[in-house]
All heavy atoms as atom14 arrays in JSON, in Angstrom:
{
  "sequence": "RVGWGIIGDNSCAGCKTSVPAPDNLYTYEDWPQG",
  "atom14_mask": [
    [1, 1, 1, 1, 1, 1, 1, 1, 1, 1, 1, 0, 0, 0],
    [1, 1, 1, 1, 1, 1, 1, 0, 0, 0, 0, 0, 0, 0],
    [1, 1, 1, 1, 0, 0, 0, 0, 0, 0, 0, 0, 0, 0],
    [1, 1, 1, 1, 1, 1, 1, 1, 1, 1, 1, 1, 1, 1],
    [1, 1, 1, 1, 0, 0, 0, 0, 0, 0, 0, 0, 0, 0],
    [1, 1, 1, 1, 1, 1, 1, 1, 0, 0, 0, 0, 0, 0],
    [1, 1, 1, 1, 1, 1, 1, 1, 0, 0, 0, 0, 0, 0],
    [1, 1, 1, 1, 0, 0, 0, 0, 0, 0, 0, 0, 0, 0],
    [1, 1, 1, 1, 1, 1, 1, 1, 0, 0, 0, 0, 0, 0],
    [1, 1, 1, 1, 1, 1, 1, 1, 0, 0, 0, 0, 0, 0],
    [1, 1, 1, 1, 1, 1, 0, 0, 0, 0, 0, 0, 0, 0],
    [1, 1, 1, 1, 1, 1, 0, 0, 0, 0, 0, 0, 0, 0],
    [1, 1, 1, 1, 1, 0, 0, 0, 0, 0, 0, 0, 0, 0],
    [1, 1, 1, 1, 0, 0, 0, 0, 0, 0, 0, 0, 0, 0],
    [1, 1, 1, 1, 1, 1, 0, 0, 0, 0, 0, 0, 0, 0],
    [1, 1, 1, 1, 1, 1, 1, 1, 1, 0, 0, 0, 0, 0],
    [1, 1, 1, 1, 1, 1, 1, 0, 0, 0, 0, 0, 0, 0],
    [1, 1, 1, 1, 1, 1, 0, 0, 0, 0, 0, 0, 0, 0],
    [1, 1, 1, 1, 1, 1, 1, 0, 0, 0, 0, 0, 0, 0],
    [1, 1, 1, 1, 1, 1, 1, 0, 0, 0, 0, 0, 0, 0],
    [1, 1, 1, 1, 1, 0, 0, 0, 0, 0, 0, 0, 0, 0],
    [1, 1, 1, 1, 1, 1, 1, 0, 0, 0, 0, 0, 0, 0],
    [1, 1, 1, 1, 1, 1, 1, 1, 0, 0, 0, 0, 0, 0],
    [1, 1, 1, 1, 1, 1, 1, 1, 0, 0, 0, 0, 0, 0],
    [1, 1, 1, 1, 1, 1, 1, 1, 0, 0, 0, 0, 0, 0],
    [1, 1, 1, 1, 1, 1, 1, 1, 1, 1, 1, 1, 0, 0],
    [1, 1, 1, 1, 1, 1, 1, 0, 0, 0, 0, 0, 0, 0],
    [1, 1, 1, 1, 1, 1, 1, 1, 1, 1, 1, 1, 0, 0],
    [1, 1, 1, 1, 1, 1, 1, 1, 1, 0, 0, 0, 0, 0],
    [1, 1, 1, 1, 1, 1, 1, 1, 0, 0, 0, 0, 0, 0],
    [1, 1, 1, 1, 1, 1, 1, 1, 1, 1, 1, 1, 1, 1],
    [1, 1, 1, 1, 1, 1, 1, 0, 0, 0, 0, 0, 0, 0],
    [1, 1, 1, 1, 1, 1, 1, 1, 1, 0, 0, 0, 0, 0],
    [1, 1, 1, 1, 0, 0, 0, 0, 0, 0, 0, 0, 0, 0]
  ],
  "atom14_positions": [
    [[0.86, -1.18, 0.0], [0.0, 0.0, 0.0], [0.9, 1.23, 0.0], [2.1, 1.14, 0.04], [-0.92, 0.01, 1.23], [-1.81, -1.22, 1.35], [-2.84, -1.32, 0.24], [-3.74, -2.45, 0.44], [-3.55, -3.65, -0.08], [-2.48, -3.89, -0.82], [-4.41, -4.63, 0.13], [0.0, 0.0, 0.0], [0.0, 0.0, 0.0], [0.0, 0.0, 0.0]],
    [[0.3, 2.43, -0.03], [1.11, 3.64, -0.04], [1.45, 4.01, 1.4], [0.92, 4.95, 1.98], [0.38, 4.78, -0.76], [1.29, 6.01, -0.86], [-0.02, 4.35, -2.15], [0.0, 0.0, 0.0], [0.0, 0.0, 0.0], [0.0, 0.0, 0.0], [0.0, 0.0, 0.0], [0.0, 0.0, 0.0], [0.0, 0.0, 0.0], [0.0, 0.0, 0.0]],
    [[2.32, 3.24, 2.01], [2.86, 3.48, 3.33], [4.31, 3.07, 3.31], [5.05, 3.41, 2.41], [0.0, 0.0, 0.0], [0.0, 0.0, 0.0], [0.0, 0.0, 0.0], [0.0, 0.0, 0.0], [0.0, 0.0, 0.0], [0.0, 0.0, 0.0], [0.0, 0.0, 0.0], [0.0, 0.0, 0.0], [0.0, 0.0, 0.0], [0.0, 0.0, 0.0]],
    [[4.72, 2.28, 4.32], [6.1, 1.81, 4.34], [6.18, 0.48, 5.07], [5.29, 0.1, 5.83], [7.02, 2.83, 5.02], [6.71, 3.03, 6.49], [5.83, 3.93, 7.03], [7.26, 2.31, 7.61], [5.79, 3.81, 8.4], [6.67, 2.83, 8.78], [8.19, 1.28, 7.72], [6.99, 2.35, 10.05], [8.51, 0.81, 8.99], [7.91, 1.35, 10.13]],
    [[7.27, -0.24, 4.84], [7.54, -1.5, 5.53], [8.88, -2.06, 5.09], [9.36, -1.76, 4.0], [0.0, 0.0, 0.0], [0.0, 0.0, 0.0], [0.0, 0.0, 0.0], [0.0, 0.0, 0.0], [0.0, 0.0, 0.0], [0.0, 0.0, 0.0], [0.0, 0.0, 0.0], [0.0, 0.0, 0.0], [0.0, 0.0, 0.0], [0.0, 0.0, 0.0]],
    [[9.51, -2.83, 5.96], [10.76, -3.52, 5.63], [10.41, -4.82, 4.93], [9.63, -5.63, 5.44], [11.62, -3.78, 6.88], [11.93, -2.46, 7.59], [12.91, -4.49, 6.5], [12.71, -1.48, 6.76], [0.0, 0.0, 0.0], [0.0, 0.0, 0.0], [0.0, 0.0, 0.0], [0.0, 0.0, 0.0], [0.0, 0.0, 0.0], [0.0, 0.0, 0.0]],
    [[10.96, -5.04, 3.74], [10.56, -6.15, 2.9], [11.07, -7.48, 3.46], [12.2, -7.58, 3.94], [11.09, -5.93, 1.47], [10.44, -4.68, 0.88], [10.8, -7.13, 0.57], [10.96, -4.29, -0.48], [0.0, 0.0, 0.0], [0.0, 0.0, 0.0], [0.0, 0.0, 0.0], [0.0, 0.0, 0.0], [0.0, 0.0, 0.0], [0.0, 0.0, 0.0]],
    [[10.21, -8.51, 3.37], [10.58, -9.83, 3.83], [11.43, -10.59, 2.81], [11.82, -10.06, 1.77], [0.0, 0.0, 0.0], [0.0, 0.0, 0.0], [0.0, 0.0, 0.0], [0.0, 0.0, 0.0], [0.0, 0.0, 0.0], [0.0, 0.0, 0.0], [0.0, 0.0, 0.0], [0.0, 0.0, 0.0], [0.0, 0.0, 0.0], [0.0, 0.0, 0.0]],
    [[11.72, -11.85, 3.11], [12.64, -12.67, 2.31], [11.92, -13.92, 1.84], [11.27, -14.61, 2.62], [13.86, -13.03, 3.16], [14.72, -14.09, 2.51], [14.84, -14.07, 1.27], [15.28, -14.92, 3.23], [0.0, 0.0, 0.0], [0.0, 0.0, 0.0], [0.0, 0.0, 0.0], [0.0, 0.0, 0.0], [0.0, 0.0, 0.0], [0.0, 0.0, 0.0]],
    [[12.03, -14.24, 0.51], [11.48, -15.49, 0.02], [12.32, -15.97, -1.15], [13.17, -15.25, -1.67], [10.02, -15.33, -0.39], [9.85, -14.5, -1.66], [10.21, -14.94, -2.75], [9.31, -13.3, -1.53], [0.0, 0.0, 0.0], [0.0, 0.0, 0.0], [0.0, 0.0, 0.0], [0.0, 0.0, 0.0], [0.0, 0.0, 0.0], [0.0, 0.0, 0.0]],
    [[12.08, -17.2, -1.57], [12.82, -17.78, -2.69], [12.0, -17.79, -3.97], [12.51, -18.08, -5.04], [13.23, -19.22, -2.37], [12.08, -20.03, -2.24], [0.0, 0.0, 0.0], [0.0, 0.0, 0.0], [0.0, 0.0, 0.0], [0.0, 0.0, 0.0], [0.0, 0.0, 0.0], [0.0, 0.0, 0.0], [0.0, 0.0, 0.0], [0.0, 0.0, 0.0]],
    [[10.7, -17.5, -3.84], [9.77, -17.47, -4.98], [9.63, -18.84, -5.64], [9.26, -18.94, -6.79], [10.19, -16.44, -6.02], [8.82, -15.92, -7.09], [0.0, 0.0, 0.0], [0.0, 0.0, 0.0], [0.0, 0.0, 0.0], [0.0, 0.0, 0.0], [0.0, 0.0, 0.0], [0.0, 0.0, 0.0], [0.0, 0.0, 0.0], [0.0, 0.0, 0.0]],
    [[9.91, -19.9, -4.92], [9.74, -21.25, -5.47], [8.26, -21.61, -5.43], [7.68, -21.76, -4.35], [10.57, -22.25, -4.68], [0.0, 0.0, 0.0], [0.0, 0.0, 0.0], [0.0, 0.0, 0.0], [0.0, 0.0, 0.0], [0.0, 0.0, 0.0], [0.0, 0.0, 0.0], [0.0, 0.0, 0.0], [0.0, 0.0, 0.0], [0.0, 0.0, 0.0]],
    [[7.63, -21.74, -6.58], [6.2, -22.03, -6.64], [5.36, -20.92, -6.07], [4.33, -21.17, -5.45], [0.0, 0.0, 0.0], [0.0, 0.0, 0.0], [0.0, 0.0, 0.0], [0.0, 0.0, 0.0], [0.0, 0.0, 0.0], [0.0, 0.0, 0.0], [0.0, 0.0, 0.0], [0.0, 0.0, 0.0], [0.0, 0.0, 0.0], [0.0, 0.0, 0.0]],
    [[5.81, -19.65, -6.27], [5.21, -18.54, -5.54], [3.8, -18.19, -5.98], [3.14, -17.42, -5.32], [6.11, -17.31, -5.63], [6.53, -16.83, -7.31], [0.0, 0.0, 0.0], [0.0, 0.0, 0.0], [0.0, 0.0, 0.0], [0.0, 0.0, 0.0], [0.0, 0.0, 0.0], [0.0, 0.0, 0.0], [0.0, 0.0, 0.0], [0.0, 0.0, 0.0]],
    [[3.31, -18.71, -7.1], [1.94, -18.42, -7.48], [0.92, -19.28, -6.73], [-0.23, -18.92, -6.6], [1.75, -18.65, -8.99], [2.26, -17.51, -9.85], [1.48, -16.22, -9.59], [0.05, -16.31, -10.08], [-0.69, -15.04, -9.89], [0.0, 0.0, 0.0], [0.0, 0.0, 0.0], [0.0, 0.0, 0.0], [0.0, 0.0, 0.0], [0.0, 0.0, 0.0]],
    [[1.35, -20.41, -6.22], [0.4, -21.32, -5.57], [0.77, -21.66, -4.13], [0.0, -22.31, -3.44], [0.31, -22.64, -6.36], [1.61, -23.23, -6.45], [-0.22, -22.36, -7.77], [0.0, 0.0, 0.0], [0.0, 0.0, 0.0], [0.0, 0.0, 0.0], [0.0, 0.0, 0.0], [0.0, 0.0, 0.0], [0.0, 0.0, 0.0], [0.0, 0.0, 0.0]],
    [[1.94, -21.26, -3.67], [2.35, -21.59, -2.31], [3.1, -20.42, -1.7], [3.53, -19.5, -2.4], [3.26, -22.83, -2.31], [4.45, -22.58, -3.04], [0.0, 0.0, 0.0], [0.0, 0.0, 0.0], [0.0, 0.0, 0.0], [0.0, 0.0, 0.0], [0.0, 0.0, 0.0], [0.0, 0.0, 0.0], [0.0, 0.0, 0.0], [0.0, 0.0, 0.0]],
    [[3.24, -20.45, -0.37], [3.95, -19.38, 0.34], [5.45, -19.53, 0.08], [6.02, -20.58, 0.35], [3.68, -19.45, 1.85], [4.45, -18.36, 2.57], [2.18, -19.32, 2.11], [0.0, 0.0, 0.0], [0.0, 0.0, 0.0], [0.0, 0.0, 0.0], [0.0, 0.0, 0.0], [0.0, 0.0, 0.0], [0.0, 0.0, 0.0], [0.0, 0.0, 0.0]],
    [[6.11, -18.5, -0.45], [7.56, -18.6, -0.71], [8.34, -18.83, 0.58], [8.0, -18.29, 1.62], [7.89, -17.24, -1.33], [6.59, -16.73, -1.84], [5.56, -17.23, -0.89], [0.0, 0.0, 0.0], [0.0, 0.0, 0.0], [0.0, 0.0, 0.0], [0.0, 0.0, 0.0], [0.0, 0.0, 0.0], [0.0, 0.0, 0.0], [0.0, 0.0, 0.0]],
    [[9.37, -19.63, 0.49], [10.22, -19.92, 1.64], [11.43, -18.99, 1.64], [11.94, -18.62, 0.58], [10.69, -21.37, 1.59], [0.0, 0.0, 0.0], [0.0, 0.0, 0.0], [0.0, 0.0, 0.0], [0.0, 0.0, 0.0], [0.0, 0.0, 0.0], [0.0, 0.0, 0.0], [0.0, 0.0, 0.0], [0.0, 0.0, 0.0], [0.0, 0.0, 0.0]],
    [[11.93, -18.59, 2.81], [13.13, -17.74, 2.86], [14.33, -18.44, 2.23], [14.51, -19.64, 2.37], [13.34, -17.53, 4.37], [12.0, -17.78, 4.99], [11.37, -18.85, 4.15], [0.0, 0.0, 0.0], [0.0, 0.0, 0.0], [0.0, 0.0, 0.0], [0.0, 0.0, 0.0], [0.0, 0.0, 0.0], [0.0, 0.0, 0.0], [0.0, 0.0, 0.0]],
    [[15.17, -17.64, 1.53], [16.39, -18.2, 0.94], [17.62, -17.39, 1.33], [18.68, -17.55, 0.74], [16.28, -18.27, -0.58], [16.08, -16.89, -1.21], [15.94, -15.9, -0.45], [16.07, -16.79, -2.44], [0.0, 0.0, 0.0], [0.0, 0.0, 0.0], [0.0, 0.0, 0.0], [0.0, 0.0, 0.0], [0.0, 0.0, 0.0], [0.0, 0.0, 0.0]],
    [[17.46, -16.47, 2.34], [18.56, -15.65, 2.84], [19.19, -14.82, 1.73], [20.4, -14.63, 1.68], [19.63, -16.51, 3.52], [20.55, -15.67, 4.4], [20.11, -14.73, 5.05], [21.84, -16.0, 4.43], [0.0, 0.0, 0.0], [0.0, 0.0, 0.0], [0.0, 0.0, 0.0], [0.0, 0.0, 0.0], [0.0, 0.0, 0.0], [0.0, 0.0, 0.0]],
    [[18.36, -14.32, 0.82], [18.85, -13.5, -0.28], [17.76, -12.5, -0.66], [16.6, -12.87, -0.83], [19.19, -14.36, -1.5], [19.64, -13.63, -2.76], [21.03, -13.02, -2.55], [19.66, -14.58, -3.96], [0.0, 0.0, 0.0], [0.0, 0.0, 0.0], [0.0, 0.0, 0.0], [0.0, 0.0, 0.0], [0.0, 0.0, 0.0], [0.0, 0.0, 0.0]],
    [[18.12, -11.23, -0.77], [17.19, -10.21, -1.23], [17.32, -10.07, -2.74], [18.4, -9.83, -3.27], [17.48, -8.85, -0.6], [16.89, -8.67, 0.76], [17.68, -8.22, 1.83], [15.55, -8.9, 1.0], [17.13, -8.02, 3.08], [15.0, -8.72, 2.25], [15.8, -8.27, 3.29], [15.26, -8.09, 4.53], [0.0, 0.0, 0.0], [0.0, 0.0, 0.0]],
    [[16.19, -10.25, -3.45], [16.14, -10.0, -4.89], [14.9, -9.18, -5.19], [14.05, -8.96, -4.32], [16.08, -11.31, -5.7], [14.79, -11.9, -5.53], [17.15, -12.29, -5.25], [0.0, 0.0, 0.0], [0.0, 0.0, 0.0], [0.0, 0.0, 0.0], [0.0, 0.0, 0.0], [0.0, 0.0, 0.0], [0.0, 0.0, 0.0], [0.0, 0.0, 0.0]],
    [[14.76, -8.74, -6.45], [13.59, -7.96, -6.83], [12.32, -8.8, -6.83], [11.22, -8.26, -6.95], [13.81, -7.34, -8.21], [14.75, -6.15, -8.16], [16.01, -6.22, -8.73], [14.38, -4.98, -7.53], [16.87, -5.14, -8.68], [15.23, -3.9, -7.47], [16.48, -3.98, -8.05], [17.33, -2.91, -7.99], [0.0, 0.0, 0.0], [0.0, 0.0, 0.0]],
    [[12.45, -10.12, -6.71], [11.26, -10.96, -6.63], [10.67, -11.01, -5.23], [9.56, -11.49, -5.04], [11.59, -12.38, -7.12], [11.92, -12.44, -8.6], [12.26, -13.86, -9.04], [12.66, -14.65, -8.17], [12.12, -14.16, -10.23], [0.0, 0.0, 0.0], [0.0, 0.0, 0.0], [0.0, 0.0, 0.0], [0.0, 0.0, 0.0], [0.0, 0.0, 0.0]],
    [[11.44, -10.54, -4.24], [10.96, -10.61, -2.86], [9.73, -9.73, -2.62], [8.83, -10.1, -1.9], [12.07, -10.21, -1.89], [13.08, -11.32, -1.67], [12.65, -12.49, -1.58], [14.28, -11.04, -1.6], [0.0, 0.0, 0.0], [0.0, 0.0, 0.0], [0.0, 0.0, 0.0], [0.0, 0.0, 0.0], [0.0, 0.0, 0.0], [0.0, 0.0, 0.0]],
    [[9.73, -8.53, -3.19], [8.69, -7.59, -2.79], [7.35, -7.78, -3.48], [6.32, -7.5, -2.89], [9.18, -6.15, -2.94], [9.46, -5.69, -4.33], [10.57, -5.94, -5.06], [8.64, -4.87, -5.14], [10.49, -5.34, -6.28], [9.32, -4.67, -6.36], [7.39, -4.28, -4.97], [8.79, -3.92, -7.39], [6.87, -3.53, -6.0], [7.56, -3.33, -7.2]],
    [[7.24, -8.26, -4.74], [5.89, -8.41, -5.29], [5.32, -9.82, -5.13], [4.2, -10.05, -5.56], [6.09, -8.09, -6.77], [7.46, -8.59, -7.07], [8.26, -8.45, -5.82], [0.0, 0.0, 0.0], [0.0, 0.0, 0.0], [0.0, 0.0, 0.0], [0.0, 0.0, 0.0], [0.0, 0.0, 0.0], [0.0, 0.0, 0.0], [0.0, 0.0, 0.0]],
    [[6.07, -10.76, -4.53], [5.64, -12.15, -4.58], [5.07, -12.67, -3.26], [4.82, -13.86, -3.13], [6.81, -13.04, -5.01], [7.25, -12.82, -6.45], [6.16, -13.16, -7.45], [5.2, -13.86, -7.14], [6.29, -12.65, -8.66], [0.0, 0.0, 0.0], [0.0, 0.0, 0.0], [0.0, 0.0, 0.0], [0.0, 0.0, 0.0], [0.0, 0.0, 0.0]],
    [[4.85, -11.78, -2.28], [4.25, -12.25, -1.04], [2.89, -11.66, -0.77], [1.9, -12.38, -0.62], [0.0, 0.0, 0.0], [0.0, 0.0, 0.0], [0.0, 0.0, 0.0], [0.0, 0.0, 0.0], [0.0, 0.0, 0.0], [0.0, 0.0, 0.0], [0.0, 0.0, 0.0], [0.0, 0.0, 0.0], [0.0, 0.0, 0.0], [0.0, 0.0, 0.0]]
  ]
}
């Protein structure tokens, strides 16, 4: 939303149908895939 927040971490593995798991890496896929 138009506010703020610290972005979480995921691996985007199967991210359209399941909750992404953390992979200890920040990428541009982290912020729109959760």
